[in-house]
Protein backbone atom coordinates (compact mmCIF):
# COMPACT_ATOMS: atom_id res chain seq x y z
CA MET A 1 -111.92 -26.69 -12.49
CA GLY A 2 -112.38 -30.37 -13.30
CA ARG A 3 -110.08 -33.32 -12.98
CA LEU A 4 -106.86 -31.36 -13.60
CA ALA A 5 -107.59 -28.88 -10.80
CA GLU A 6 -108.57 -31.74 -8.51
CA ALA A 7 -105.32 -33.55 -9.28
CA ILE A 8 -103.29 -30.43 -8.48
CA ARG A 9 -105.22 -29.90 -5.25
CA GLU A 10 -104.63 -33.51 -4.17
CA ARG A 11 -100.90 -33.27 -4.83
CA VAL A 12 -100.52 -29.95 -2.99
CA THR A 13 -102.50 -31.13 0.05
CA SER A 14 -101.40 -34.77 0.04
CA ARG A 15 -99.66 -36.26 3.02
CA ILE A 16 -96.06 -35.30 3.58
CA SER A 17 -93.80 -37.90 1.98
CA LEU A 18 -90.30 -38.89 3.08
CA PRO A 19 -88.58 -37.05 0.18
CA TYR A 20 -90.39 -33.82 1.02
CA LEU A 21 -89.51 -34.24 4.70
CA PHE A 22 -85.91 -34.19 3.50
CA VAL A 23 -86.57 -30.85 1.80
CA LEU A 24 -88.19 -29.43 4.95
CA ALA A 25 -85.17 -30.52 6.98
CA ALA A 26 -82.94 -28.71 4.48
CA ILE A 27 -84.80 -25.41 4.84
CA LEU A 28 -85.12 -25.62 8.64
CA PRO A 29 -81.80 -23.77 9.22
CA ALA A 30 -83.11 -20.93 7.04
CA LEU A 31 -86.33 -20.70 9.05
CA ILE A 32 -84.34 -20.60 12.30
CA MET A 33 -82.15 -17.79 10.98
CA VAL A 34 -85.15 -15.76 9.85
CA TRP A 35 -86.76 -15.92 13.30
CA LEU A 36 -83.65 -14.88 15.22
CA PRO A 37 -83.70 -11.33 16.66
CA GLY A 38 -83.01 -8.49 14.26
CA TYR A 39 -84.46 -6.63 11.30
CA PRO A 40 -84.65 -7.15 7.52
CA ARG A 41 -81.53 -6.19 5.60
CA GLY A 42 -83.23 -5.56 2.23
CA ALA A 43 -83.83 -1.88 1.51
CA ASP A 44 -86.94 -2.59 -0.59
CA THR A 45 -88.42 -4.67 2.22
CA TRP A 46 -88.93 -1.63 4.43
CA GLY A 47 -90.86 0.25 1.76
CA HIS A 48 -93.19 -2.69 1.10
CA LEU A 49 -93.74 -3.29 4.80
CA PHE A 50 -94.56 0.38 5.22
CA LYS A 51 -97.25 0.27 2.54
CA ALA A 52 -98.72 -2.87 4.11
CA GLU A 53 -98.67 -1.27 7.57
CA TYR A 54 -100.42 1.79 6.17
CA LEU A 55 -103.23 -0.30 4.67
CA ALA A 56 -103.45 -2.45 7.81
CA GLY A 57 -103.89 0.76 9.84
CA GLN A 58 -106.78 1.75 7.57
CA MET A 59 -108.28 -1.72 8.04
CA ARG A 60 -108.21 -1.41 11.83
CA ALA A 61 -110.44 1.64 11.55
CA ASN A 62 -112.62 0.01 8.89
CA PRO A 63 -112.02 -3.57 7.65
CA ALA A 64 -113.65 -2.65 4.33
CA ALA A 65 -110.67 -0.32 3.70
CA TYR A 66 -108.88 -3.39 2.34
CA PHE A 67 -111.09 -3.09 -0.75
CA THR A 68 -111.72 0.66 -0.83
CA SER A 69 -108.65 2.46 0.52
CA ALA A 70 -106.21 3.98 -1.97
CA TRP A 71 -102.54 3.15 -1.58
CA MET A 72 -100.06 5.70 -0.45
CA PRO A 73 -100.37 8.99 -2.34
CA ALA A 74 -97.81 9.26 -5.16
CA TRP A 75 -98.23 5.45 -5.57
CA TYR A 76 -94.78 4.11 -4.71
CA MET A 77 -94.47 6.63 -1.91
CA GLY A 78 -92.89 9.41 -3.94
CA ASP A 79 -90.44 7.24 -5.85
CA PRO A 80 -88.30 9.81 -7.73
CA TYR A 81 -87.72 7.36 -10.57
CA ARG A 82 -91.46 6.76 -10.95
CA THR A 83 -90.80 3.07 -11.38
CA PHE A 84 -94.02 1.11 -11.75
CA TYR A 85 -94.89 -1.26 -8.91
CA PRO A 86 -98.01 -3.47 -8.87
CA PRO A 87 -100.34 -3.93 -5.88
CA LEU A 88 -100.29 -7.68 -5.13
CA THR A 89 -97.56 -7.46 -2.47
CA THR A 90 -99.56 -4.96 -0.43
CA LEU A 91 -102.71 -7.05 -0.83
CA VAL A 92 -100.88 -10.11 0.51
CA LEU A 93 -98.85 -8.43 3.25
CA ALA A 94 -101.52 -6.11 4.67
CA PRO A 95 -103.75 -8.89 6.11
CA ILE A 96 -100.68 -10.50 7.73
CA VAL A 97 -99.69 -7.17 9.31
CA TYR A 98 -103.32 -6.64 10.34
CA LEU A 99 -103.44 -10.08 11.97
CA PHE A 100 -100.15 -9.91 13.88
CA ARG A 101 -100.10 -6.12 14.46
CA ASP A 102 -96.35 -6.09 13.93
CA PRO A 103 -94.78 -5.56 10.48
CA PHE A 104 -91.59 -7.37 11.43
CA ILE A 105 -93.42 -10.49 12.59
CA ALA A 106 -95.44 -10.23 9.38
CA TYR A 107 -92.19 -10.16 7.43
CA ARG A 108 -90.94 -13.30 9.17
CA VAL A 109 -94.25 -15.03 8.48
CA PHE A 110 -94.03 -13.96 4.82
CA VAL A 111 -90.49 -15.32 4.44
CA SER A 112 -91.33 -18.57 6.23
CA LEU A 113 -94.38 -19.11 4.04
CA PHE A 114 -92.26 -18.47 0.96
CA PHE A 115 -89.72 -21.14 1.92
CA ILE A 116 -92.38 -23.72 2.72
CA LEU A 117 -94.78 -22.97 -0.14
CA TYR A 118 -92.12 -22.54 -2.81
CA SER A 119 -90.42 -25.81 -1.91
CA ARG A 120 -93.81 -27.54 -1.83
CA PHE A 121 -94.91 -26.04 -5.15
CA VAL A 122 -91.69 -27.12 -6.87
CA TYR A 123 -91.99 -30.59 -5.35
CA VAL A 124 -95.61 -31.24 -6.33
CA SER A 125 -95.38 -29.62 -9.76
CA PHE A 126 -93.04 -32.24 -11.18
CA THR A 127 -93.93 -35.48 -9.43
CA GLU A 128 -96.01 -36.33 -12.51
CA TYR A 129 -92.85 -36.60 -14.62
CA THR A 130 -90.24 -37.66 -12.11
CA GLN A 131 -89.82 -39.78 -9.03
CA HIS A 132 -90.44 -38.16 -5.66
CA TRP A 133 -86.77 -38.09 -4.75
CA THR A 134 -86.03 -36.36 -8.04
CA ALA A 135 -88.69 -33.72 -7.35
CA ALA A 136 -87.24 -33.23 -3.86
CA PHE A 137 -83.79 -32.71 -5.39
CA VAL A 138 -85.15 -30.03 -7.73
CA ALA A 139 -86.95 -28.32 -4.81
CA LEU A 140 -83.73 -28.28 -2.80
CA LEU A 141 -81.78 -26.68 -5.64
CA ALA A 142 -84.52 -24.13 -6.33
CA VAL A 143 -84.97 -23.00 -2.72
CA TRP A 144 -81.24 -22.59 -2.09
CA SER A 145 -80.60 -20.79 -5.36
CA PRO A 146 -78.23 -17.86 -4.65
CA TYR A 147 -80.13 -15.37 -6.76
CA THR A 148 -83.53 -16.34 -5.32
CA LEU A 149 -82.21 -15.71 -1.81
CA ARG A 150 -80.61 -12.47 -2.95
CA THR A 151 -83.97 -11.32 -4.31
CA LEU A 152 -85.69 -12.02 -1.02
CA PHE A 153 -83.04 -10.83 1.44
CA PHE A 154 -80.39 -8.50 0.03
CA GLU A 155 -82.72 -6.63 -2.32
CA GLY A 156 -85.78 -7.41 -0.23
CA ASN A 157 -87.89 -7.22 -3.39
CA LEU A 158 -91.06 -8.85 -2.09
CA PRO A 159 -93.08 -8.32 -5.33
CA ARG A 160 -90.53 -10.33 -7.30
CA THR A 161 -90.55 -12.92 -4.54
CA LEU A 162 -94.30 -13.37 -5.04
CA ALA A 163 -93.71 -13.73 -8.78
CA VAL A 164 -91.08 -16.41 -8.12
CA LEU A 165 -93.57 -18.22 -5.88
CA VAL A 166 -95.76 -19.09 -8.86
CA LEU A 167 -92.80 -19.92 -11.14
CA PRO A 168 -93.05 -23.72 -10.54
CA PHE A 169 -96.65 -23.75 -11.77
CA LEU A 170 -95.74 -21.69 -14.83
CA ALA A 171 -92.99 -24.20 -15.59
CA TYR A 172 -95.34 -27.14 -15.04
CA PHE A 173 -98.08 -25.73 -17.26
CA THR A 174 -95.61 -24.78 -19.99
CA GLU A 175 -94.06 -28.24 -19.99
CA THR A 176 -97.37 -30.09 -19.99
CA THR A 177 -99.01 -27.79 -22.53
CA ILE A 178 -96.27 -28.55 -25.05
CA VAL A 179 -96.99 -32.26 -24.71
CA ARG A 180 -100.78 -32.16 -24.56
CA SER A 181 -102.90 -29.03 -24.38
CA THR A 182 -106.37 -28.85 -22.80
CA GLY A 183 -108.78 -26.02 -22.09
CA GLN A 184 -108.60 -26.61 -18.33
CA ARG A 185 -104.82 -26.44 -18.35
CA THR A 186 -104.94 -23.19 -20.35
CA LEU A 187 -107.36 -21.63 -17.86
CA LEU A 188 -105.28 -22.57 -14.83
CA ALA A 189 -102.10 -21.42 -16.52
CA SER A 190 -103.69 -18.05 -17.34
CA LEU A 191 -104.54 -17.55 -13.67
CA ALA A 192 -100.93 -18.33 -12.74
CA TRP A 193 -99.73 -15.77 -15.28
CA ALA A 194 -102.19 -13.20 -13.91
CA TRP A 195 -100.68 -13.72 -10.44
CA ALA A 196 -97.17 -13.19 -11.81
CA ILE A 197 -98.18 -10.00 -13.65
CA LEU A 198 -99.92 -8.56 -10.60
CA ALA A 199 -96.91 -9.47 -8.46
CA HIS A 200 -94.30 -7.89 -10.73
CA GLY A 201 -94.98 -7.10 -14.37
CA GLN A 202 -91.35 -6.83 -15.44
CA GLN A 203 -90.46 -10.15 -13.83
CA ALA A 204 -93.48 -11.80 -15.46
CA LEU A 205 -92.27 -10.52 -18.84
CA MET A 206 -88.86 -12.05 -18.21
CA PHE A 207 -90.51 -15.34 -17.26
CA ALA A 208 -92.48 -15.25 -20.52
CA MET A 209 -89.24 -14.78 -22.48
CA GLY A 210 -87.60 -17.66 -20.63
CA PHE A 211 -90.51 -20.04 -21.20
CA GLY A 212 -90.68 -18.90 -24.82
CA LEU A 213 -87.04 -19.92 -25.26
CA TYR A 214 -87.71 -23.25 -23.55
CA SER A 215 -90.71 -23.99 -25.76
CA ILE A 216 -88.85 -23.18 -28.99
CA VAL A 217 -85.85 -25.34 -28.06
CA ARG A 218 -88.14 -28.15 -26.87
CA ILE A 219 -90.04 -28.23 -30.17
CA ILE A 220 -86.81 -28.10 -32.18
CA LEU A 221 -85.39 -31.07 -30.27
CA ASP A 222 -88.56 -33.19 -30.45
CA HIS A 223 -89.89 -33.46 -34.01
CA LYS A 224 -93.04 -35.22 -32.73
CA ILE A 225 -94.32 -31.97 -31.19
CA PRO A 226 -96.16 -29.80 -33.74
CA VAL A 227 -95.03 -26.18 -34.08
CA LYS A 228 -98.60 -25.02 -33.47
CA ARG A 229 -98.14 -25.96 -29.82
CA LEU A 230 -96.32 -22.64 -29.46
CA LEU A 231 -99.73 -20.99 -29.79
CA HIS A 232 -100.96 -23.13 -26.89
CA VAL A 233 -98.04 -21.88 -24.80
CA ILE A 234 -98.71 -18.25 -25.74
CA ALA A 235 -102.47 -18.44 -25.10
CA PRO A 236 -102.27 -18.59 -21.26
CA VAL A 237 -99.85 -15.64 -21.22
CA ALA A 238 -102.26 -13.61 -23.35
CA LEU A 239 -105.24 -14.61 -21.20
CA GLY A 240 -103.35 -13.73 -18.02
CA ALA A 241 -102.52 -10.33 -19.47
CA ALA A 242 -106.18 -9.87 -20.40
CA VAL A 243 -107.29 -10.69 -16.85
CA THR A 244 -104.96 -8.00 -15.47
CA ALA A 245 -105.69 -5.48 -18.25
CA PRO A 246 -108.17 -3.40 -16.18
CA TRP A 247 -105.29 -2.64 -13.82
CA VAL A 248 -102.36 -2.63 -16.25
CA LEU A 249 -103.73 -0.55 -19.10
CA PRO A 250 -104.72 2.60 -17.17
CA ALA A 251 -101.30 2.84 -15.55
CA TYR A 252 -99.30 2.09 -18.66
CA SER A 253 -101.41 4.36 -20.84
CA ARG A 254 -100.62 7.17 -18.35
CA LEU A 255 -104.26 7.73 -17.51
CA GLU A 256 -103.49 6.99 -13.87
CA LEU A 257 -99.89 8.16 -13.46
CA SER A 258 -97.47 10.25 -15.46
CA ASN A 259 -94.00 9.16 -16.57
CA ILE A 260 -94.85 5.45 -16.46
CA PRO A 261 -93.19 3.29 -17.53
CA TYR A 262 -89.80 4.92 -17.32
CA LEU A 263 -86.45 3.54 -16.24
CA PRO A 264 -83.29 5.66 -16.20
CA PRO A 265 -80.67 4.16 -18.58
CA VAL A 266 -78.06 4.11 -15.82
CA LYS A 267 -80.12 1.53 -13.92
CA VAL A 268 -79.67 -1.00 -16.74
CA ASP A 269 -75.91 -0.90 -16.26
CA ILE A 270 -76.15 -0.94 -12.47
CA PHE A 271 -78.38 -4.02 -12.51
CA SER A 272 -76.33 -5.96 -15.05
CA ALA A 273 -74.70 -9.06 -13.62
CA PRO A 274 -70.87 -9.15 -13.86
CA LEU A 275 -68.99 -12.12 -15.30
CA SER A 276 -67.88 -12.88 -11.74
CA ALA A 277 -71.50 -13.91 -11.05
CA LEU A 278 -70.53 -17.31 -12.47
CA LEU A 279 -68.29 -17.89 -9.44
CA PRO A 280 -69.08 -18.08 -5.69
CA SER A 281 -68.35 -14.99 -3.63
CA ASN A 282 -68.00 -14.28 0.08
CA ASN A 283 -69.74 -10.92 -0.44
CA PRO A 284 -73.37 -11.53 0.60
CA GLY A 285 -74.57 -8.77 -1.71
CA ALA A 286 -72.82 -10.15 -4.79
CA VAL A 287 -74.81 -11.46 -7.75
CA MET A 288 -74.24 -15.22 -8.06
CA PHE A 289 -75.74 -17.48 -10.70
CA GLY A 290 -74.91 -20.66 -8.81
CA LEU A 291 -71.85 -22.46 -10.17
CA GLY A 292 -72.92 -25.64 -8.40
CA VAL A 293 -76.29 -25.95 -10.11
CA ILE A 294 -74.76 -25.07 -13.51
CA VAL A 295 -72.26 -27.94 -13.14
CA LEU A 296 -75.00 -30.29 -11.92
CA ALA A 297 -77.17 -29.39 -14.92
CA LEU A 298 -74.31 -29.98 -17.36
CA LEU A 299 -73.52 -33.33 -15.73
CA ALA A 300 -77.17 -34.40 -15.83
CA VAL A 301 -77.57 -33.58 -19.52
CA ALA A 302 -74.31 -35.36 -20.33
CA ALA A 303 -75.23 -38.43 -18.28
CA ARG A 304 -78.90 -38.74 -19.26
CA PRO A 305 -79.67 -36.72 -22.41
CA ASP A 306 -83.34 -35.85 -22.72
CA SER A 307 -85.14 -33.19 -24.78
CA ARG A 308 -86.79 -31.68 -21.67
CA ARG A 309 -83.56 -31.41 -19.70
CA ILE A 310 -81.61 -30.08 -22.67
CA ALA A 311 -84.30 -27.43 -23.30
CA TRP A 312 -84.25 -26.35 -19.64
CA LEU A 313 -80.45 -26.18 -19.72
CA ILE A 314 -80.27 -24.11 -22.91
CA SER A 315 -83.05 -21.69 -21.89
CA GLY A 316 -81.54 -21.30 -18.42
CA LEU A 317 -78.07 -20.55 -19.78
CA LEU A 318 -79.46 -18.13 -22.37
CA CYS A 319 -81.26 -16.19 -19.63
CA LEU A 320 -77.99 -16.03 -17.67
CA TRP A 321 -76.46 -14.57 -20.82
CA PHE A 322 -79.23 -11.96 -20.90
CA ALA A 323 -78.53 -11.23 -17.23
CA LEU A 324 -75.08 -9.92 -18.16
CA GLY A 325 -76.79 -6.91 -19.73
CA PRO A 326 -75.15 -4.82 -22.45
CA VAL A 327 -71.78 -6.51 -21.81
CA GLY A 328 -73.27 -9.81 -22.97
CA VAL A 329 -74.53 -8.25 -26.24
CA ALA A 330 -77.55 -10.59 -26.45
CA PHE A 331 -79.51 -8.46 -23.98
CA SER A 332 -79.32 -5.48 -26.35
CA LEU A 333 -81.19 -7.50 -29.00
CA ILE A 334 -84.32 -7.81 -26.81
CA PRO A 335 -87.10 -5.38 -27.81
CA GLY A 336 -87.63 -2.83 -25.05
CA HIS A 337 -84.45 -3.90 -23.27
CA ASP A 338 -83.90 -0.35 -21.99
CA GLN A 339 -86.84 -0.88 -19.60
CA LEU A 340 -85.56 -4.18 -18.15
CA LEU A 341 -83.07 -4.78 -15.36
CA PRO A 342 -80.88 -7.56 -16.83
CA GLU A 343 -79.78 -9.53 -13.77
CA ARG A 344 -83.40 -10.41 -12.99
CA PHE A 345 -83.36 -12.98 -15.79
CA ALA A 346 -81.46 -15.11 -13.26
CA ASN A 347 -84.71 -15.76 -11.37
CA PHE A 348 -85.95 -17.87 -14.30
CA SER A 349 -82.60 -19.60 -14.68
CA ALA A 350 -82.59 -20.60 -11.01
CA LEU A 351 -85.50 -22.99 -11.60
CA ALA A 352 -84.67 -23.89 -15.21
CA LEU A 353 -81.17 -25.12 -14.31
CA ALA A 354 -82.55 -27.02 -11.32
CA LEU A 355 -84.98 -28.80 -13.66
CA ALA A 356 -82.11 -29.61 -16.02
CA ALA A 357 -80.12 -31.08 -13.11
CA ARG A 358 -82.90 -33.50 -12.13
CA GLY A 359 -81.40 -36.08 -14.49
CA LEU A 360 -78.84 -36.97 -11.79
CA VAL A 361 -81.57 -38.56 -9.66
CA PRO A 362 -82.41 -41.42 -9.16
CA LEU A 363 -78.92 -42.59 -8.33
CA GLY A 364 -77.67 -45.96 -9.46
CA PHE A 365 -75.74 -48.33 -7.21
CA ARG A 366 -72.53 -47.94 -9.18
CA ALA A 367 -70.30 -45.34 -7.47
CA ARG A 368 -73.43 -44.21 -5.65
CA TYR A 369 -71.91 -42.69 -2.54
CA ARG A 370 -69.15 -40.98 -4.48
CA ARG A 371 -71.75 -39.33 -6.72
CA ILE A 372 -73.82 -38.28 -3.70
CA ALA A 373 -70.74 -36.66 -2.13
CA ILE A 374 -69.98 -34.71 -5.34
CA MET A 375 -73.60 -33.57 -5.65
CA ALA A 376 -73.72 -32.50 -2.00
CA ALA A 377 -70.48 -30.55 -2.43
CA LEU A 378 -71.85 -28.71 -5.46
CA ILE A 379 -75.08 -27.85 -3.62
CA LEU A 380 -73.10 -26.50 -0.66
CA LEU A 381 -70.97 -24.51 -3.13
CA ASP A 382 -74.11 -22.48 -3.88
CA ALA A 383 -75.73 -22.51 -0.45
CA VAL A 384 -72.83 -21.63 1.86
CA PRO A 385 -71.90 -18.22 0.34
CA VAL A 386 -75.50 -16.96 0.54
CA PHE A 387 -76.31 -18.35 3.99
CA PRO A 388 -75.23 -15.07 5.70
CA LEU A 389 -78.04 -13.30 3.81
CA LEU A 390 -80.53 -15.03 6.11
CA ARG A 391 -79.06 -13.38 9.19
CA GLN A 392 -81.10 -10.42 10.44
CA VAL A 393 -79.31 -7.12 11.05
CA ASP A 394 -79.34 -4.37 13.68
CA PHE A 395 -81.79 -1.52 13.30
CA PRO A 396 -80.06 0.72 10.71
CA ALA A 397 -79.31 4.34 11.41
CA ASP A 398 -81.33 5.56 8.43
CA ARG A 399 -84.41 3.75 9.78
CA ALA A 400 -83.82 5.44 13.13
CA ALA A 401 -83.83 8.75 11.29
CA ILE A 402 -87.23 7.84 9.89
CA ALA A 403 -88.59 7.36 13.40
CA ALA A 404 -87.49 10.89 14.26
CA ARG A 405 -89.17 12.18 11.10
CA LEU A 406 -92.39 10.42 11.99
CA ALA A 407 -92.45 12.06 15.40
CA ALA A 408 -92.09 15.49 13.81
CA GLN A 409 -94.88 15.00 11.26
CA PRO A 410 -98.46 16.26 11.62
CA ARG A 411 -100.90 13.65 12.86
CA GLU A 412 -102.19 12.93 9.35
CA GLY A 413 -98.73 12.73 7.83
CA ARG A 414 -97.06 9.52 6.69
CA VAL A 415 -93.34 9.22 6.10
CA ALA A 416 -91.51 6.42 4.29
CA LEU A 417 -87.90 5.54 3.63
CA LEU A 418 -87.01 4.87 0.00
CA THR A 419 -83.68 3.26 -0.80
CA TYR A 420 -82.24 1.30 -3.68
CA PRO A 421 -79.99 -1.74 -3.22
CA GLU A 422 -77.25 -0.72 -5.62
CA PRO A 423 -73.95 -1.67 -3.99
CA SER A 424 -72.24 1.59 -5.00
CA ALA A 425 -74.77 4.38 -4.39
CA ILE A 426 -77.67 3.98 -2.00
CA ASP A 427 -79.80 7.11 -1.72
CA VAL A 428 -82.32 7.66 1.02
CA TYR A 429 -85.52 9.54 0.28
CA PHE A 430 -88.17 10.71 2.69
CA ALA A 431 -91.70 11.11 1.37
CA SER A 432 -95.12 11.60 2.87
CA LYS A 433 -98.67 12.29 1.74
CA PHE A 434 -97.59 15.89 1.26
CA GLY A 435 -94.94 14.89 -1.32
CA MET A 436 -91.19 14.56 -1.41
CA HIS A 437 -89.33 16.26 1.44
CA ASP A 438 -85.63 15.81 1.01
CA LYS A 439 -82.84 13.55 -0.08
CA THR A 440 -79.78 12.33 1.73
CA GLY A 441 -76.97 10.28 0.28
C-alpha cells in the first residue's frame, strides 16, 4: 500500500509506550470483569453466538464450510421484523468458536480483543497530530464511553461493535483527507468503510452522516481548505459501498430476501434516547451520552480553541441531537429517518466528543494537579455508572427453555432464541430451520 500503509503498520505494531500502558491499566478492570464466571447479559449476543456456533459446527465437519455454507435458514434466524443483518460478525466469530469449541469463551475473547484493539486503534490513529499522552487520553475516553459499553454489553449488538472498532480509522482518514488527500489514503479509507458496511450497514450510514457534518463544519471554520475537499471525503465512502455492492444490492433489491429493508415505525420511538440520557444513571440499561466527556469537550474548546476540536464538538453534539429521535425534531429532517434507530448516533458522538476533549492535554504546570483531579472526576462520572454492565449474569430462564427445546428437536433441527433489548417489552421467539415455532412474552 506504499508509505502510508507502512506508516500505519509501524504505529499499530510499534513497541508499547508508557502512555499506552496507562490505557491498558485503565481497561484491566474491565477485562477481569469479563472473564469472571457467568454469561452475557445482552439479548442480541446470544443470537450472534448461535449463528457463529452453527457455522463452526459446519466447519468441524468440513473446514471449507466457512466459505461455502449458507447461514441459518431465514437469514436472521426467523426474525419476525425481517431486520437486515450483515454477515461480518459471523465471519469473525465463527473461527473463534471453532478454535475454542466454546461460544462463551469465544465471546470473552471477542470482548477482550475489542477493548485492546479499539484502545490501540484510537491511540495510534491520532499520534500524528497530538502528543502520545493526548492520544492516550482520547483512547481512555473512547473505551469507557457509556454508550459504547451499552452497545457491547446491554444490547450485545456485536455487529455494531465491529463497526465501532474501525471508527478510529474512519475518523483519522476523514481528518487527514480534509487536510491533504492522496490516492493511497483514499484506498485505505475505502477498505475501512467497506468493513463498517459489512459489519452493520445502518451504523455505517450514521457514521457517514457524522463525518459529513464534521467535514462541513471543518471547512467552514478553516477558509484555507477548499470546498472541493468534500468530494475527497465522499470518495472513500462511495468506493467502500462499491466494494460491498455484490452483497448489499441483492439483499436490498429484494432479490435475496423479501421485506428488506423494513423497520416498524414503533421501533424508532423505542430506540430514541430520552433527554435524561444527558445525565448519569444508576440503571445499567439506561441510555447515557456521557456528561463527563461533554463537559471535558466544552472545557477543551473553551481553553484551546482549534478548528479541528470545534468541528468534532459540533458534529458530536449534533449527532446527540439526532439521537433524541422525533422528540429532538432534527432527526425527522434526515432522509429515510424512518429506517434508522436514533440513539445509535451516539456511537459516533462517543469518539467525536473524546477527540474534542483532547485539547485539555498536555497539562500545564499552573494548577496542574487541580485540573487532573477535575478531569479524573469527570471521567469517573461516565465510567462508574456503566461499570456494572461488565458483570456477567446467571444463566437466564429463557435460555434454559431453549435448551429444553433443543433436546426436543429432530436431529437436523436448529433452534435459536430471538429477543430484543427494549427495556419495556422483550419478546422471546423460537425459530429453527423449519421456520418460526412460537412466541412467548
